[in-house]
């Protein structure tokens, strides 16, 4: 039996078990950078994303991700900002389902 609160315990408010399977642009960015490096499994990305959406990202975390991925802190912050922009659009589409049709149509036009 593990010691301390588990992922489903209310005491562990900074973690949602659903995050293990949630694919986000930031998680994919981290995983792709890690895949290019030897010795660091891409699965480590789930430690940082999508938690970045809900808890923010500290300078210490930015530094750690930059070190692990072989990128600069600014590249990490940019990937984080792009993820938040994607999330904002996702929330907007959920709040206004009629925009999903417009979004799909714009994507189709863009891909031409």
C-alpha atoms as a PDB file:
ATOM      1  CA  UNK A   1       0.000   0.000   0.000  1.00  0.00           C
ATOM      2  CA  UNK A   2       1.463   3.377  -1.012  1.00  0.00           C
ATOM      3  CA  UNK A   3       2.292   5.980   1.575  1.00  0.00           C
ATOM      4  CA  UNK A   4       0.582   9.370   1.279  1.00  0.00           C
ATOM      5  CA  UNK A   5      -2.324  10.544  -0.852  1.00  0.00           C
ATOM      6  CA  UNK A   6      -3.007   8.829  -4.143  1.00  0.00           C
ATOM      7  CA  UNK A   7      -3.868  10.610  -7.390  1.00  0.00           C
ATOM      8  CA  UNK A   8      -7.615  10.437  -6.660  1.00  0.00           C
ATOM      9  CA  UNK A   9      -7.394  11.848  -3.128  1.00  0.00           C
ATOM     10  CA  UNK A  10      -8.654  15.407  -2.630  1.00  0.00           C
ATOM     11  CA  UNK A  11      -5.390  16.218  -0.841  1.00  0.00           C
ATOM     12  CA  UNK A  12      -3.617  15.916  -4.171  1.00  0.00           C
ATOM     13  CA  UNK A  13      -5.298  18.933  -5.825  1.00  0.00           C
ATOM     14  CA  UNK A  14      -2.525  19.589  -8.345  1.00  0.00           C
ATOM     15  CA  UNK A  15      -3.091  16.340 -10.213  1.00  0.00           C
ATOM     16  CA  UNK A  16      -5.914  14.902 -12.271  1.00  0.00           C
ATOM     17  CA  UNK A  17      -5.642  11.217 -13.293  1.00  0.00           C
ATOM     18  CA  UNK A  18      -7.104  12.113 -16.694  1.00  0.00           C
ATOM     19  CA  UNK A  19      -3.881  14.007 -17.453  1.00  0.00           C
ATOM     20  CA  UNK A  20      -2.098  10.698 -18.005  1.00  0.00           C
ATOM     21  CA  UNK A  21      -3.925  10.297 -21.319  1.00  0.00           C
ATOM     22  CA  UNK A  22      -4.638  13.878 -22.375  1.00  0.00           C
ATOM     23  CA  UNK A  23      -2.646  14.876 -25.434  1.00  0.00           C
ATOM     24  CA  UNK A  24      -1.897  18.588 -25.680  1.00  0.00           C
ATOM     25  CA  UNK A  25       0.353  20.593 -28.010  1.00  0.00           C
ATOM     26  CA  UNK A  26       2.780  21.241 -25.123  1.00  0.00           C
ATOM     27  CA  UNK A  27       2.953  17.558 -24.233  1.00  0.00           C
ATOM     28  CA  UNK A  28       3.545  16.631 -27.878  1.00  0.00           C
ATOM     29  CA  UNK A  29       6.228  19.341 -28.170  1.00  0.00           C
ATOM     30  CA  UNK A  30       8.072  18.060 -25.089  1.00  0.00           C
ATOM     31  CA  UNK A  31       7.743  14.439 -26.225  1.00  0.00           C
ATOM     32  CA  UNK A  32       9.074  15.253 -29.708  1.00  0.00           C
ATOM     33  CA  UNK A  33      12.084  17.078 -28.246  1.00  0.00           C
ATOM     34  CA  UNK A  34      12.753  14.228 -25.825  1.00  0.00           C
ATOM     35  CA  UNK A  35      12.478  11.659 -28.620  1.00  0.00           C
ATOM     36  CA  UNK A  36      15.444  13.360 -30.287  1.00  0.00           C
ATOM     37  CA  UNK A  37      17.591  12.873 -27.182  1.00  0.00           C
ATOM     38  CA  UNK A  38      19.041   9.646 -25.861  1.00  0.00           C
ATOM     39  CA  UNK A  39      18.340   8.479 -22.350  1.00  0.00           C
ATOM     40  CA  UNK A  40      15.212  10.521 -21.548  1.00  0.00           C
ATOM     41  CA  UNK A  41      11.919   8.725 -22.217  1.00  0.00           C
ATOM     42  CA  UNK A  42       9.307  10.882 -24.029  1.00  0.00           C
ATOM     43  CA  UNK A  43       6.721   9.709 -21.477  1.00  0.00           C
ATOM     44  CA  UNK A  44       8.279  12.163 -18.997  1.00  0.00           C
ATOM     45  CA  UNK A  45       6.244  14.825 -20.827  1.00  0.00           C
ATOM     46  CA  UNK A  46       3.161  13.785 -18.869  1.00  0.00           C
ATOM     47  CA  UNK A  47       4.807  15.139 -15.719  1.00  0.00           C
ATOM     48  CA  UNK A  48       4.637  18.659 -17.166  1.00  0.00           C
ATOM     49  CA  UNK A  49       1.634  18.678 -19.469  1.00  0.00           C
ATOM     50  CA  UNK A  50      -1.293  19.275 -19.299  1.00  0.00           C
ATOM     51  CA  UNK A  51      -0.554  20.385 -15.708  1.00  0.00           C
ATOM     52  CA  UNK A  52       0.955  23.538 -17.240  1.00  0.00           C
ATOM     53  CA  UNK A  53      -2.556  24.570 -18.291  1.00  0.00           C
ATOM     54  CA  UNK A  54      -4.004  24.379 -14.808  1.00  0.00           C
ATOM     55  CA  UNK A  55      -1.058  25.195 -12.548  1.00  0.00           C
ATOM     56  CA  UNK A  56       1.026  27.471 -14.739  1.00  0.00           C
ATOM     57  CA  UNK A  57       4.715  26.980 -15.322  1.00  0.00           C
ATOM     58  CA  UNK A  58       7.448  28.219 -13.006  1.00  0.00           C
ATOM     59  CA  UNK A  59      10.898  29.427 -13.981  1.00  0.00           C
ATOM     60  CA  UNK A  60      12.322  26.324 -12.311  1.00  0.00           C
ATOM     61  CA  UNK A  61      10.076  24.066 -14.420  1.00  0.00           C
ATOM     62  CA  UNK A  62      10.985  25.992 -17.567  1.00  0.00           C
ATOM     63  CA  UNK A  63      14.665  25.480 -16.764  1.00  0.00           C
ATOM     64  CA  UNK A  64      14.181  21.774 -16.133  1.00  0.00           C
ATOM     65  CA  UNK A  65      12.243  21.247 -19.354  1.00  0.00           C
ATOM     66  CA  UNK A  66      14.841  23.239 -21.307  1.00  0.00           C
ATOM     67  CA  UNK A  67      17.634  21.113 -19.845  1.00  0.00           C
ATOM     68  CA  UNK A  68      15.827  17.831 -20.532  1.00  0.00           C
ATOM     69  CA  UNK A  69      14.819  18.785 -24.076  1.00  0.00           C
ATOM     70  CA  UNK A  70      18.023  20.538 -25.106  1.00  0.00           C
ATOM     71  CA  UNK A  71      16.137  23.747 -25.889  1.00  0.00           C
ATOM     72  CA  UNK A  72      16.260  27.291 -24.565  1.00  0.00           C
ATOM     73  CA  UNK A  73      13.958  28.556 -21.812  1.00  0.00           C
ATOM     74  CA  UNK A  74      12.394  30.929 -24.348  1.00  0.00           C
ATOM     75  CA  UNK A  75      11.518  27.991 -26.636  1.00  0.00           C
ATOM     76  CA  UNK A  76       9.834  26.268 -23.682  1.00  0.00           C
ATOM     77  CA  UNK A  77       7.870  29.428 -22.820  1.00  0.00           C
ATOM     78  CA  UNK A  78       6.838  29.834 -26.470  1.00  0.00           C
ATOM     79  CA  UNK A  79       5.586  26.228 -26.637  1.00  0.00           C
ATOM     80  CA  UNK A  80       3.695  26.845 -23.372  1.00  0.00           C
ATOM     81  CA  UNK A  81       2.099  30.033 -24.751  1.00  0.00           C
ATOM     82  CA  UNK A  82       1.073  28.219 -27.947  1.00  0.00           C
ATOM     83  CA  UNK A  83      -0.486  25.465 -25.842  1.00  0.00           C
ATOM     84  CA  UNK A  84      -2.476  28.012 -23.835  1.00  0.00           C
ATOM     85  CA  UNK A  85      -3.686  29.657 -27.063  1.00  0.00           C
ATOM     86  CA  UNK A  86      -4.790  26.246 -28.345  1.00  0.00           C
ATOM     87  CA  UNK A  87      -6.567  25.578 -25.067  1.00  0.00           C
ATOM     88  CA  UNK A  88      -8.344  28.956 -25.211  1.00  0.00           C
ATOM     89  CA  UNK A  89      -9.646  28.110 -28.690  1.00  0.00           C
ATOM     90  CA  UNK A  90     -10.731  24.675 -27.470  1.00  0.00           C
ATOM     91  CA  UNK A  91     -12.671  26.270 -24.600  1.00  0.00           C
ATOM     92  CA  UNK A  92     -14.247  28.805 -26.935  1.00  0.00           C
ATOM     93  CA  UNK A  93     -15.410  26.027 -29.253  1.00  0.00           C
ATOM     94  CA  UNK A  94     -16.886  24.150 -26.296  1.00  0.00           C
ATOM     95  CA  UNK A  95     -18.709  27.278 -25.122  1.00  0.00           C
ATOM     96  CA  UNK A  96     -20.001  27.982 -28.639  1.00  0.00           C
ATOM     97  CA  UNK A  97     -20.505  24.672 -30.488  1.00  0.00           C
ATOM     98  CA  UNK A  98     -21.652  26.501 -33.629  1.00  0.00           C
ATOM     99  CA  UNK A  99     -18.097  27.836 -33.979  1.00  0.00           C
ATOM    100  CA  UNK A 100     -16.835  24.267 -34.407  1.00  0.00           C
ATOM    101  CA  UNK A 101     -18.452  24.149 -37.845  1.00  0.00           C
ATOM    102  CA  UNK A 102     -16.837  27.446 -38.812  1.00  0.00           C
ATOM    103  CA  UNK A 103     -13.475  26.260 -37.446  1.00  0.00           C
ATOM    104  CA  UNK A 104     -13.650  23.006 -39.408  1.00  0.00           C
ATOM    105  CA  UNK A 105     -14.538  24.925 -42.561  1.00  0.00           C
ATOM    106  CA  UNK A 106     -11.616  27.325 -42.070  1.00  0.00           C
ATOM    107  CA  UNK A 107      -9.265  24.377 -41.528  1.00  0.00           C
ATOM    108  CA  UNK A 108     -10.523  22.804 -44.760  1.00  0.00           C
ATOM    109  CA  UNK A 109      -9.941  26.072 -46.649  1.00  0.00           C
ATOM    110  CA  UNK A 110      -6.465  26.468 -45.157  1.00  0.00           C
ATOM    111  CA  UNK A 111      -5.461  22.951 -46.213  1.00  0.00           C
ATOM    112  CA  UNK A 112      -6.245  23.671 -49.888  1.00  0.00           C
END
